């Protein structure tokens, strides 16, 4: 291959320009209404499970990042403003740049890496808890070239 000629973009390459995903441009509901009387809401929310088993969800994604969204506003009524999911990053892997209107806390179970939150870098390692605040555009990176990271 000619050294002066750029390699074609493949599935492992960064695109030459920023990609605009449909999910970023379509109008969505970020916080769902809980409507009714206090008694109705208390009864309905009290009937929701308090324990969610991660084995009930399938892994999605790949090859750099696999995840399970265990608790999020789209899936359960009990959690309208928080999110809890399990993510595994391949060695040197990273997730898609994204944002959401709810807060999220990532507890790092294994590995080391960093996040970019609204252009600011935050390093993390096993045992750390990382908070992603409402409306933050962020991306997760595994900095270890040989080991997976789990959050």
N, C-alpha and C. Protein backbone atom coordinates (compact mmCIF):
# COMPACT_ATOMS: atom_id res chain seq x y z
N UNK A 1 0.84 -1.19 0.00
CA UNK A 1 0.00 0.00 0.00
C UNK A 1 0.88 1.24 0.00
N UNK A 2 0.51 2.23 -0.76
CA UNK A 2 1.23 3.50 -0.83
C UNK A 2 1.19 4.19 0.52
N UNK A 3 2.37 4.52 1.11
CA UNK A 3 2.43 5.14 2.43
C UNK A 3 1.77 6.50 2.48
N UNK A 4 1.67 7.19 1.37
CA UNK A 4 1.06 8.52 1.33
C UNK A 4 -0.45 8.48 1.19
N UNK A 5 -0.98 7.30 0.98
CA UNK A 5 -2.41 7.15 0.78
C UNK A 5 -3.05 6.68 2.10
N UNK A 6 -4.12 7.34 2.51
CA UNK A 6 -4.79 6.97 3.75
C UNK A 6 -5.47 5.62 3.61
N UNK A 7 -5.44 4.85 4.69
CA UNK A 7 -6.13 3.57 4.71
C UNK A 7 -7.63 3.80 4.66
N UNK A 8 -8.37 2.92 4.02
CA UNK A 8 -9.83 3.08 3.99
C UNK A 8 -10.41 2.91 5.38
N UNK A 9 -11.52 3.58 5.64
CA UNK A 9 -12.16 3.45 6.94
C UNK A 9 -12.81 2.08 7.04
N UNK A 10 -12.49 1.38 8.11
CA UNK A 10 -13.08 0.07 8.37
C UNK A 10 -13.83 0.09 9.68
N UNK A 11 -14.34 -1.05 10.10
CA UNK A 11 -15.14 -1.09 11.31
C UNK A 11 -14.32 -0.80 12.57
N UNK A 12 -13.01 -0.87 12.51
CA UNK A 12 -12.17 -0.57 13.67
C UNK A 12 -11.55 0.82 13.61
N UNK A 13 -11.94 1.62 12.66
CA UNK A 13 -11.38 2.96 12.48
C UNK A 13 -12.38 4.02 12.90
N UNK A 14 -11.86 5.14 13.36
CA UNK A 14 -12.71 6.29 13.68
C UNK A 14 -13.18 6.92 12.37
N UNK A 15 -14.44 7.30 12.26
CA UNK A 15 -14.91 7.97 11.04
C UNK A 15 -14.22 9.33 10.87
N UNK A 16 -14.10 9.77 9.63
CA UNK A 16 -13.44 11.04 9.34
C UNK A 16 -14.21 12.22 9.91
N UNK A 17 -15.52 12.08 10.04
CA UNK A 17 -16.35 13.15 10.59
C UNK A 17 -17.28 12.57 11.65
N UNK A 18 -17.77 13.44 12.50
CA UNK A 18 -18.68 13.02 13.57
C UNK A 18 -19.95 12.41 12.98
N UNK A 19 -20.35 11.26 13.50
CA UNK A 19 -21.57 10.59 13.05
C UNK A 19 -22.75 11.17 13.80
N UNK A 20 -23.84 11.45 13.11
CA UNK A 20 -25.05 11.94 13.75
C UNK A 20 -26.05 10.79 13.79
N UNK A 21 -26.25 10.25 14.99
CA UNK A 21 -27.15 9.12 15.17
C UNK A 21 -28.59 9.61 15.25
N UNK A 22 -29.52 8.83 14.70
CA UNK A 22 -30.93 9.18 14.74
C UNK A 22 -31.40 9.37 16.18
N UNK A 23 -30.93 8.53 17.10
CA UNK A 23 -31.38 8.62 18.49
C UNK A 23 -31.02 9.97 19.12
N UNK A 24 -30.03 10.68 18.57
CA UNK A 24 -29.64 11.98 19.10
C UNK A 24 -30.54 13.09 18.56
N UNK A 25 -31.22 12.84 17.46
CA UNK A 25 -31.98 13.91 16.81
C UNK A 25 -33.49 13.75 16.94
N UNK A 26 -33.97 12.54 17.25
CA UNK A 26 -35.42 12.38 17.36
C UNK A 26 -35.90 12.79 18.75
N UNK A 27 -37.09 13.33 18.79
CA UNK A 27 -37.67 13.79 20.06
C UNK A 27 -38.06 12.58 20.90
N UNK A 28 -37.67 12.61 22.20
CA UNK A 28 -37.96 11.50 23.10
C UNK A 28 -38.45 12.03 24.43
N UNK A 29 -39.05 11.15 25.21
CA UNK A 29 -39.44 11.47 26.58
C UNK A 29 -38.32 10.99 27.48
N UNK A 30 -37.76 11.88 28.29
CA UNK A 30 -36.64 11.50 29.15
C UNK A 30 -37.07 11.15 30.57
N UNK A 31 -38.09 11.78 31.06
CA UNK A 31 -38.62 11.44 32.38
C UNK A 31 -40.10 11.18 32.19
N UNK A 32 -40.50 9.96 32.48
CA UNK A 32 -41.89 9.57 32.28
C UNK A 32 -42.75 10.04 33.44
N UNK A 33 -43.97 10.38 33.13
CA UNK A 33 -44.90 10.86 34.15
C UNK A 33 -45.37 9.69 35.01
N UNK A 34 -45.43 9.93 36.30
CA UNK A 34 -46.08 9.02 37.23
C UNK A 34 -47.34 9.75 37.65
N UNK A 35 -48.46 9.36 37.07
CA UNK A 35 -49.69 10.12 37.27
C UNK A 35 -50.70 9.33 38.08
N UNK A 36 -51.48 10.03 38.83
CA UNK A 36 -52.52 9.42 39.65
C UNK A 36 -52.47 10.01 41.04
N UNK A 37 -53.26 9.44 41.91
CA UNK A 37 -53.25 9.91 43.30
C UNK A 37 -52.03 9.35 44.01
N UNK A 38 -51.69 9.95 45.13
CA UNK A 38 -50.55 9.47 45.91
C UNK A 38 -50.77 8.00 46.29
N UNK A 39 -51.98 7.66 46.70
CA UNK A 39 -52.29 6.28 47.08
C UNK A 39 -52.08 5.31 45.94
N UNK A 40 -52.52 5.69 44.72
CA UNK A 40 -52.34 4.83 43.55
C UNK A 40 -50.86 4.63 43.23
N UNK A 41 -50.10 5.73 43.28
CA UNK A 41 -48.67 5.64 42.97
C UNK A 41 -47.93 4.82 44.01
N UNK A 42 -48.26 5.04 45.26
CA UNK A 42 -47.61 4.29 46.34
C UNK A 42 -47.87 2.80 46.16
N UNK A 43 -49.11 2.43 45.86
CA UNK A 43 -49.46 1.03 45.67
C UNK A 43 -48.73 0.44 44.46
N UNK A 44 -48.74 1.17 43.34
CA UNK A 44 -48.09 0.66 42.12
C UNK A 44 -46.58 0.54 42.31
N UNK A 45 -45.96 1.57 42.85
CA UNK A 45 -44.50 1.52 43.03
C UNK A 45 -44.10 0.50 44.08
N UNK A 46 -44.92 0.31 45.10
CA UNK A 46 -44.63 -0.69 46.13
C UNK A 46 -44.71 -2.10 45.58
N UNK A 47 -45.45 -2.29 44.49
CA UNK A 47 -45.59 -3.62 43.90
C UNK A 47 -44.42 -3.98 42.98
N UNK A 48 -43.56 -3.01 42.66
CA UNK A 48 -42.43 -3.25 41.76
C UNK A 48 -41.34 -4.05 42.48
N UNK A 49 -40.63 -4.89 41.76
CA UNK A 49 -39.53 -5.66 42.38
C UNK A 49 -38.45 -4.72 42.93
N UNK A 50 -37.80 -5.16 43.96
CA UNK A 50 -36.66 -4.42 44.53
C UNK A 50 -35.34 -5.12 44.21
N UNK A 51 -35.41 -6.34 43.71
CA UNK A 51 -34.22 -7.10 43.33
C UNK A 51 -34.37 -7.47 41.86
N UNK A 52 -33.35 -7.16 41.08
CA UNK A 52 -33.32 -7.49 39.66
C UNK A 52 -32.11 -8.38 39.42
N UNK A 53 -32.32 -9.54 38.83
CA UNK A 53 -31.26 -10.51 38.61
C UNK A 53 -30.62 -10.30 37.24
N UNK A 54 -29.32 -10.03 37.23
CA UNK A 54 -28.65 -9.73 35.96
C UNK A 54 -28.72 -10.90 34.99
N UNK A 55 -28.88 -12.12 35.51
CA UNK A 55 -28.99 -13.29 34.64
C UNK A 55 -30.27 -13.31 33.81
N UNK A 56 -31.23 -12.46 34.17
CA UNK A 56 -32.48 -12.38 33.40
C UNK A 56 -32.33 -11.56 32.12
N UNK A 57 -31.21 -10.88 31.95
CA UNK A 57 -30.98 -10.05 30.77
C UNK A 57 -29.89 -10.66 29.90
N UNK A 58 -30.02 -10.48 28.58
CA UNK A 58 -29.00 -10.96 27.65
C UNK A 58 -27.94 -9.88 27.45
N UNK A 59 -26.72 -10.33 27.18
CA UNK A 59 -25.66 -9.40 26.83
C UNK A 59 -25.96 -8.81 25.46
N UNK A 60 -25.69 -7.52 25.31
CA UNK A 60 -25.87 -6.84 24.02
C UNK A 60 -24.57 -6.09 23.70
N UNK A 61 -24.36 -5.85 22.40
CA UNK A 61 -23.21 -5.06 21.98
C UNK A 61 -22.11 -5.92 21.41
N UNK A 62 -20.89 -5.36 21.47
CA UNK A 62 -19.70 -6.04 21.01
C UNK A 62 -19.13 -5.37 19.77
N UNK A 63 -17.92 -5.65 19.39
CA UNK A 63 -16.96 -6.51 20.08
C UNK A 63 -16.17 -5.80 21.17
N UNK A 64 -16.21 -4.46 21.22
CA UNK A 64 -15.41 -3.74 22.21
C UNK A 64 -16.10 -3.60 23.56
N UNK A 65 -17.44 -3.58 23.54
CA UNK A 65 -18.21 -3.33 24.75
C UNK A 65 -19.48 -4.17 24.73
N UNK A 66 -19.67 -4.95 25.80
CA UNK A 66 -20.89 -5.72 25.98
C UNK A 66 -21.58 -5.21 27.23
N UNK A 67 -22.90 -5.17 27.24
CA UNK A 67 -23.59 -4.65 28.41
C UNK A 67 -24.96 -5.24 28.62
N UNK A 68 -25.45 -5.04 29.86
CA UNK A 68 -26.81 -5.39 30.25
C UNK A 68 -27.37 -4.18 30.99
N UNK A 69 -28.48 -3.64 30.51
CA UNK A 69 -29.14 -2.52 31.19
C UNK A 69 -30.16 -3.12 32.16
N UNK A 70 -29.76 -3.25 33.40
CA UNK A 70 -30.57 -3.94 34.40
C UNK A 70 -31.72 -3.05 34.89
N UNK A 71 -31.42 -1.85 35.29
CA UNK A 71 -32.43 -0.90 35.77
C UNK A 71 -32.24 0.40 35.02
N UNK A 72 -33.29 0.86 34.34
CA UNK A 72 -33.25 2.17 33.70
C UNK A 72 -34.68 2.66 33.52
N UNK A 73 -34.85 3.95 33.28
CA UNK A 73 -36.20 4.51 33.20
C UNK A 73 -37.08 3.89 32.11
N UNK A 74 -36.49 3.33 31.06
CA UNK A 74 -37.28 2.73 29.99
C UNK A 74 -37.81 1.35 30.39
N UNK A 75 -37.15 0.72 31.35
CA UNK A 75 -37.47 -0.68 31.65
C UNK A 75 -38.33 -0.88 32.89
N UNK A 76 -38.17 -0.04 33.89
CA UNK A 76 -38.88 -0.26 35.16
C UNK A 76 -39.47 1.04 35.67
N UNK A 77 -40.65 0.99 36.24
CA UNK A 77 -41.32 2.19 36.75
C UNK A 77 -40.68 2.71 38.02
N UNK A 78 -40.06 1.85 38.78
CA UNK A 78 -39.51 2.24 40.08
C UNK A 78 -38.34 3.22 39.93
N UNK A 79 -37.67 3.21 38.80
CA UNK A 79 -36.47 4.03 38.60
C UNK A 79 -36.70 5.03 37.48
N UNK A 80 -37.13 6.22 37.82
CA UNK A 80 -37.37 7.24 36.80
C UNK A 80 -36.18 8.16 36.60
N UNK A 81 -35.22 8.12 37.50
CA UNK A 81 -34.11 9.07 37.37
C UNK A 81 -32.74 8.44 37.62
N UNK A 82 -32.67 7.12 37.75
CA UNK A 82 -31.38 6.46 37.94
C UNK A 82 -31.24 5.32 36.94
N UNK A 83 -30.02 4.86 36.80
CA UNK A 83 -29.73 3.78 35.86
C UNK A 83 -28.69 2.87 36.48
N UNK A 84 -28.82 1.57 36.24
CA UNK A 84 -27.84 0.61 36.71
C UNK A 84 -27.67 -0.44 35.62
N UNK A 85 -26.45 -0.56 35.14
CA UNK A 85 -26.20 -1.60 34.14
C UNK A 85 -24.83 -2.18 34.34
N UNK A 86 -24.59 -3.29 33.71
CA UNK A 86 -23.33 -4.00 33.79
C UNK A 86 -22.66 -3.88 32.43
N UNK A 87 -21.41 -3.42 32.44
CA UNK A 87 -20.66 -3.27 31.19
C UNK A 87 -19.33 -3.99 31.30
N UNK A 88 -18.91 -4.62 30.21
CA UNK A 88 -17.61 -5.24 30.12
C UNK A 88 -16.94 -4.70 28.86
N UNK A 89 -15.71 -4.21 29.03
CA UNK A 89 -14.94 -3.62 27.92
C UNK A 89 -13.78 -4.53 27.58
N UNK A 90 -13.63 -4.85 26.31
CA UNK A 90 -12.51 -5.65 25.83
C UNK A 90 -11.20 -4.91 26.11
N UNK A 91 -10.07 -5.64 26.14
CA UNK A 91 -8.79 -4.95 26.31
C UNK A 91 -8.65 -3.81 25.30
N UNK A 92 -8.39 -2.61 25.79
CA UNK A 92 -8.26 -1.45 24.92
C UNK A 92 -9.59 -0.97 24.34
N UNK A 93 -10.70 -1.57 24.75
CA UNK A 93 -12.00 -1.25 24.19
C UNK A 93 -12.61 0.02 24.76
N UNK A 94 -13.66 0.45 24.11
CA UNK A 94 -14.36 1.66 24.55
C UNK A 94 -15.81 1.60 24.11
N UNK A 95 -16.65 2.38 24.77
CA UNK A 95 -18.05 2.46 24.43
C UNK A 95 -18.33 3.66 23.54
N UNK A 96 -19.53 3.74 23.06
CA UNK A 96 -19.96 4.85 22.21
C UNK A 96 -20.12 6.11 23.04
N UNK A 97 -19.78 7.25 22.48
CA UNK A 97 -20.05 8.53 23.13
C UNK A 97 -21.56 8.69 23.19
N UNK A 98 -22.07 9.01 24.39
CA UNK A 98 -23.52 9.09 24.56
C UNK A 98 -23.87 9.98 25.74
N UNK A 99 -25.12 10.18 25.94
CA UNK A 99 -25.61 10.93 27.09
C UNK A 99 -27.02 10.47 27.43
N UNK A 100 -27.43 10.76 28.64
CA UNK A 100 -28.80 10.46 29.06
C UNK A 100 -29.21 11.49 30.10
N UNK A 101 -30.50 11.63 30.26
CA UNK A 101 -31.00 12.68 31.16
C UNK A 101 -31.07 12.24 32.61
N UNK A 102 -30.82 10.96 32.89
CA UNK A 102 -30.80 10.48 34.25
C UNK A 102 -29.35 10.34 34.73
N UNK A 103 -29.17 10.36 36.03
CA UNK A 103 -27.84 10.12 36.60
C UNK A 103 -27.51 8.64 36.52
N UNK A 104 -26.23 8.33 36.53
CA UNK A 104 -25.78 6.94 36.57
C UNK A 104 -24.53 6.87 37.44
N UNK A 105 -24.38 5.77 38.15
CA UNK A 105 -23.19 5.51 38.96
C UNK A 105 -22.58 4.22 38.45
N UNK A 106 -21.30 4.26 38.12
CA UNK A 106 -20.57 3.08 37.67
C UNK A 106 -19.64 2.66 38.79
N UNK A 107 -19.80 1.42 39.25
CA UNK A 107 -18.86 0.87 40.22
C UNK A 107 -17.93 -0.04 39.45
N UNK A 108 -16.63 0.24 39.51
CA UNK A 108 -15.66 -0.52 38.73
C UNK A 108 -15.30 -1.79 39.49
N UNK A 109 -15.66 -2.92 38.92
CA UNK A 109 -15.40 -4.22 39.54
C UNK A 109 -14.01 -4.74 39.22
N UNK A 110 -13.55 -4.48 37.99
CA UNK A 110 -12.29 -5.05 37.52
C UNK A 110 -11.68 -4.13 36.47
N UNK A 111 -10.37 -3.95 36.53
CA UNK A 111 -9.67 -3.23 35.48
C UNK A 111 -9.40 -1.77 35.80
N UNK A 112 -8.96 -1.07 34.77
CA UNK A 112 -8.63 0.35 34.89
C UNK A 112 -8.93 1.01 33.55
N UNK A 113 -9.24 2.29 33.61
CA UNK A 113 -9.52 3.01 32.39
C UNK A 113 -9.80 4.46 32.68
N UNK A 114 -10.54 5.10 31.79
CA UNK A 114 -10.91 6.49 32.00
C UNK A 114 -12.21 6.78 31.28
N UNK A 115 -12.84 7.84 31.70
CA UNK A 115 -14.04 8.37 31.05
C UNK A 115 -13.74 9.78 30.58
N UNK A 116 -14.45 10.20 29.56
CA UNK A 116 -14.46 11.60 29.16
C UNK A 116 -15.87 12.10 29.42
N UNK A 117 -16.01 13.09 30.30
CA UNK A 117 -17.31 13.69 30.63
C UNK A 117 -17.27 15.14 30.15
N UNK A 118 -18.07 15.44 29.13
CA UNK A 118 -18.11 16.80 28.59
C UNK A 118 -16.70 17.35 28.39
N UNK A 119 -15.86 16.58 27.74
CA UNK A 119 -14.46 16.87 27.36
C UNK A 119 -13.46 16.77 28.51
N UNK A 120 -13.86 16.47 29.75
CA UNK A 120 -12.93 16.36 30.88
C UNK A 120 -12.65 14.89 31.18
N UNK A 121 -11.37 14.56 31.35
CA UNK A 121 -10.94 13.17 31.61
C UNK A 121 -11.04 12.84 33.10
N UNK A 122 -11.52 11.60 33.37
CA UNK A 122 -11.60 11.08 34.73
C UNK A 122 -11.05 9.65 34.71
N UNK A 123 -9.92 9.43 35.39
CA UNK A 123 -9.32 8.09 35.45
C UNK A 123 -10.02 7.26 36.52
N UNK A 124 -10.13 5.93 36.30
CA UNK A 124 -10.76 5.04 37.25
C UNK A 124 -10.04 3.69 37.29
N UNK A 125 -10.27 2.97 38.39
CA UNK A 125 -9.72 1.62 38.55
C UNK A 125 -10.65 0.81 39.45
N UNK A 126 -10.39 -0.50 39.53
CA UNK A 126 -11.24 -1.38 40.33
C UNK A 126 -11.42 -0.82 41.74
N UNK A 127 -12.67 -0.82 42.20
CA UNK A 127 -13.01 -0.29 43.52
C UNK A 127 -13.52 1.13 43.50
N UNK A 128 -13.38 1.83 42.38
CA UNK A 128 -13.85 3.22 42.28
C UNK A 128 -15.32 3.26 41.88
N UNK A 129 -15.99 4.31 42.32
CA UNK A 129 -17.36 4.61 41.87
C UNK A 129 -17.29 5.89 41.07
N UNK A 130 -17.92 5.91 39.93
CA UNK A 130 -17.87 7.04 39.01
C UNK A 130 -19.29 7.53 38.76
N UNK A 131 -19.53 8.81 38.98
CA UNK A 131 -20.85 9.39 38.79
C UNK A 131 -20.92 10.11 37.45
N UNK A 132 -21.97 9.81 36.69
CA UNK A 132 -22.26 10.52 35.46
C UNK A 132 -23.53 11.33 35.73
N UNK A 133 -23.41 12.64 35.71
CA UNK A 133 -24.54 13.50 36.06
C UNK A 133 -25.51 13.66 34.91
N UNK A 134 -26.68 14.18 35.22
CA UNK A 134 -27.74 14.40 34.22
C UNK A 134 -27.21 15.21 33.04
N UNK A 135 -27.55 14.77 31.84
CA UNK A 135 -27.24 15.52 30.63
C UNK A 135 -25.78 15.50 30.20
N UNK A 136 -24.94 14.75 30.89
CA UNK A 136 -23.51 14.72 30.57
C UNK A 136 -23.27 13.84 29.34
N UNK A 137 -22.55 14.37 28.35
CA UNK A 137 -22.11 13.58 27.21
C UNK A 137 -20.80 12.91 27.64
N UNK A 138 -20.77 11.60 27.57
CA UNK A 138 -19.63 10.88 28.12
C UNK A 138 -19.29 9.64 27.29
N UNK A 139 -18.10 9.10 27.56
CA UNK A 139 -17.62 7.91 26.88
C UNK A 139 -16.68 7.18 27.83
N UNK A 140 -16.74 5.83 27.83
CA UNK A 140 -15.96 4.99 28.73
C UNK A 140 -14.85 4.29 27.93
N UNK A 141 -13.65 4.20 28.52
CA UNK A 141 -12.49 3.59 27.86
C UNK A 141 -11.78 2.62 28.81
N UNK A 142 -11.41 1.45 28.31
CA UNK A 142 -10.56 0.52 29.05
C UNK A 142 -9.13 0.81 28.62
N UNK A 143 -8.28 1.21 29.58
CA UNK A 143 -6.90 1.57 29.26
C UNK A 143 -5.94 0.39 29.27
N UNK A 144 -6.39 -0.78 29.70
CA UNK A 144 -5.51 -1.94 29.77
C UNK A 144 -5.52 -2.67 28.43
N UNK A 145 -4.35 -2.84 27.79
CA UNK A 145 -4.30 -3.49 26.47
C UNK A 145 -4.44 -5.01 26.52
N UNK A 146 -4.41 -5.61 27.72
CA UNK A 146 -4.45 -7.07 27.80
C UNK A 146 -5.58 -7.64 28.65
N UNK A 147 -6.22 -6.83 29.49
CA UNK A 147 -7.27 -7.33 30.40
C UNK A 147 -8.61 -6.62 30.17
N UNK A 148 -9.70 -7.35 30.40
CA UNK A 148 -11.03 -6.74 30.34
C UNK A 148 -11.25 -5.82 31.54
N UNK A 149 -12.14 -4.88 31.37
CA UNK A 149 -12.60 -4.03 32.48
C UNK A 149 -14.09 -4.28 32.66
N UNK A 150 -14.55 -4.35 33.90
CA UNK A 150 -15.96 -4.58 34.21
C UNK A 150 -16.46 -3.49 35.14
N UNK A 151 -17.60 -2.91 34.78
CA UNK A 151 -18.22 -1.86 35.59
C UNK A 151 -19.67 -2.24 35.84
